[in-house]
Amino acid sequence: MKKISHTSWNLRKSHSMIVRTGAHCPINGLWQPVDSSAEPLFVFEGSIMPTHDGGTAEWLLVDAKRRVAEGAIW
């Protein structure tokens, strides 16, 4: 698996996680374009963040799915 660079994502004052199109996803979860009312999209950790409406977007993490000690995903 490719190492994920933390320089491609941003933590804002509200502790929201934002990642740009083309960067590797830092965590499993539901992501939604920042300036859009589009439905959230599930993206797996390590995947490339997708485009939105045919162009680049900043994606906001709206619901994280973290792994627990037993290996399950919540």
C-alpha atoms as a PDB file:
ATOM      1  CA  MET A   1       0.000   0.000   0.000  1.00  0.00           C
ATOM      2  CA  LYS A   2       1.225   3.473  -0.823  1.00  0.00           C
ATOM      3  CA  LYS A   3       2.200   5.718   2.084  1.00  0.00           C
ATOM      4  CA  ILE A   4      -0.265   8.541   2.554  1.00  0.00           C
ATOM      5  CA  SER A   5       1.211  12.019   2.711  1.00  0.00           C
ATOM      6  CA  HIS A   6      -0.405  14.202   5.340  1.00  0.00           C
ATOM      7  CA  THR A   7       0.560  17.347   3.436  1.00  0.00           C
ATOM      8  CA  SER A   8      -2.298  16.810   0.981  1.00  0.00           C
ATOM      9  CA  TRP A   9      -5.058  17.187   3.547  1.00  0.00           C
ATOM     10  CA  ASN A  10      -6.026  20.000   5.806  1.00  0.00           C
ATOM     11  CA  LEU A  11      -7.402  20.267   9.331  1.00  0.00           C
ATOM     12  CA  ARG A  12      -9.332  23.481   9.810  1.00  0.00           C
ATOM     13  CA  LYS A  13     -10.108  25.175  13.140  1.00  0.00           C
ATOM     14  CA  SER A  14     -13.311  23.147  13.522  1.00  0.00           C
ATOM     15  CA  HIS A  15     -11.208  19.940  13.258  1.00  0.00           C
ATOM     16  CA  SER A  16     -12.855  19.122   9.936  1.00  0.00           C
ATOM     17  CA  MET A  17     -10.782  17.059   7.571  1.00  0.00           C
ATOM     18  CA  ILE A  18     -10.607  18.366   4.009  1.00  0.00           C
ATOM     19  CA  VAL A  19      -8.820  16.660   1.112  1.00  0.00           C
ATOM     20  CA  ARG A  20      -8.461  17.788  -2.513  1.00  0.00           C
ATOM     21  CA  THR A  21      -9.244  15.753  -5.635  1.00  0.00           C
ATOM     22  CA  GLY A  22      -6.249  13.630  -6.644  1.00  0.00           C
ATOM     23  CA  ALA A  23      -4.852  13.223  -3.109  1.00  0.00           C
ATOM     24  CA  HIS A  24      -4.898   9.900  -1.253  1.00  0.00           C
ATOM     25  CA  CYS A  25      -7.785   9.486   1.159  1.00  0.00           C
ATOM     26  CA  PRO A  26      -6.417   9.567   4.744  1.00  0.00           C
ATOM     27  CA  ILE A  27      -9.306   7.665   6.387  1.00  0.00           C
ATOM     28  CA  ASN A  28     -12.294   5.470   5.459  1.00  0.00           C
ATOM     29  CA  GLY A  29     -15.502   7.415   5.544  1.00  0.00           C
ATOM     30  CA  LEU A  30     -18.215   9.435   3.917  1.00  0.00           C
ATOM     31  CA  TRP A  31     -16.887  12.477   2.053  1.00  0.00           C
ATOM     32  CA  GLN A  32     -18.878  15.352   0.565  1.00  0.00           C
ATOM     33  CA  PRO A  33     -17.732  18.207  -1.684  1.00  0.00           C
ATOM     34  CA  VAL A  34     -17.285  21.345   0.447  1.00  0.00           C
ATOM     35  CA  ASP A  35     -19.281  23.713  -1.761  1.00  0.00           C
ATOM     36  CA  SER A  36     -22.024  21.313  -2.772  1.00  0.00           C
ATOM     37  CA  SER A  37     -25.200  19.742  -1.477  1.00  0.00           C
ATOM     38  CA  ALA A  38     -24.336  16.479  -3.274  1.00  0.00           C
ATOM     39  CA  GLU A  39     -24.839  13.175  -1.486  1.00  0.00           C
ATOM     40  CA  PRO A  40     -21.788  12.002   0.516  1.00  0.00           C
ATOM     41  CA  LEU A  41     -19.604   9.363  -1.119  1.00  0.00           C
ATOM     42  CA  PHE A  42     -17.825   6.515   0.713  1.00  0.00           C
ATOM     43  CA  VAL A  43     -14.074   6.537  -0.005  1.00  0.00           C
ATOM     44  CA  PHE A  44     -11.614   3.915   1.267  1.00  0.00           C
ATOM     45  CA  GLU A  45      -8.370   4.921   2.981  1.00  0.00           C
ATOM     46  CA  GLY A  46      -5.539   5.061   0.449  1.00  0.00           C
ATOM     47  CA  SER A  47      -7.854   5.583  -2.526  1.00  0.00           C
ATOM     48  CA  ILE A  48      -7.464   8.616  -4.773  1.00  0.00           C
ATOM     49  CA  MET A  49     -10.047  11.291  -3.975  1.00  0.00           C
ATOM     50  CA  PRO A  50     -12.448  11.596  -6.914  1.00  0.00           C
ATOM     51  CA  THR A  51     -13.482  14.488  -9.108  1.00  0.00           C
ATOM     52  CA  HIS A  52     -16.866  16.161  -8.704  1.00  0.00           C
ATOM     53  CA  ASP A  53     -18.986  17.402 -11.622  1.00  0.00           C
ATOM     54  CA  GLY A  54     -16.064  16.807 -13.964  1.00  0.00           C
ATOM     55  CA  GLY A  55     -13.569  18.940 -12.052  1.00  0.00           C
ATOM     56  CA  THR A  56     -11.471  19.170  -8.918  1.00  0.00           C
ATOM     57  CA  ALA A  57     -13.068  19.577  -5.512  1.00  0.00           C
ATOM     58  CA  GLU A  58     -12.251  19.876  -1.847  1.00  0.00           C
ATOM     59  CA  TRP A  59     -13.813  16.966   0.019  1.00  0.00           C
ATOM     60  CA  LEU A  60     -15.051  17.261   3.611  1.00  0.00           C
ATOM     61  CA  LEU A  61     -15.114  14.196   5.873  1.00  0.00           C
ATOM     62  CA  VAL A  62     -18.689  13.965   7.185  1.00  0.00           C
ATOM     63  CA  ASP A  63     -18.570  10.523   8.852  1.00  0.00           C
ATOM     64  CA  ALA A  64     -15.387   8.570   9.657  1.00  0.00           C
ATOM     65  CA  LYS A  65     -15.354   4.780   9.718  1.00  0.00           C
ATOM     66  CA  ARG A  66     -12.374   3.833  11.900  1.00  0.00           C
ATOM     67  CA  ARG A  67     -10.983   0.364  12.466  1.00  0.00           C
ATOM     68  CA  VAL A  68     -11.230  -1.059  15.954  1.00  0.00           C
ATOM     69  CA  ALA A  69      -8.847  -3.470  17.707  1.00  0.00           C
ATOM     70  CA  GLU A  70     -10.773  -6.535  16.480  1.00  0.00           C
ATOM     71  CA  GLY A  71     -10.272  -5.476  12.885  1.00  0.00           C
ATOM     72  CA  ALA A  72     -13.898  -4.544  12.217  1.00  0.00           C
ATOM     73  CA  ILE A  73     -14.841  -1.295  10.535  1.00  0.00           C
ATOM     74  CA  TRP A  74     -17.495   0.857  12.174  1.00  0.00           C
END
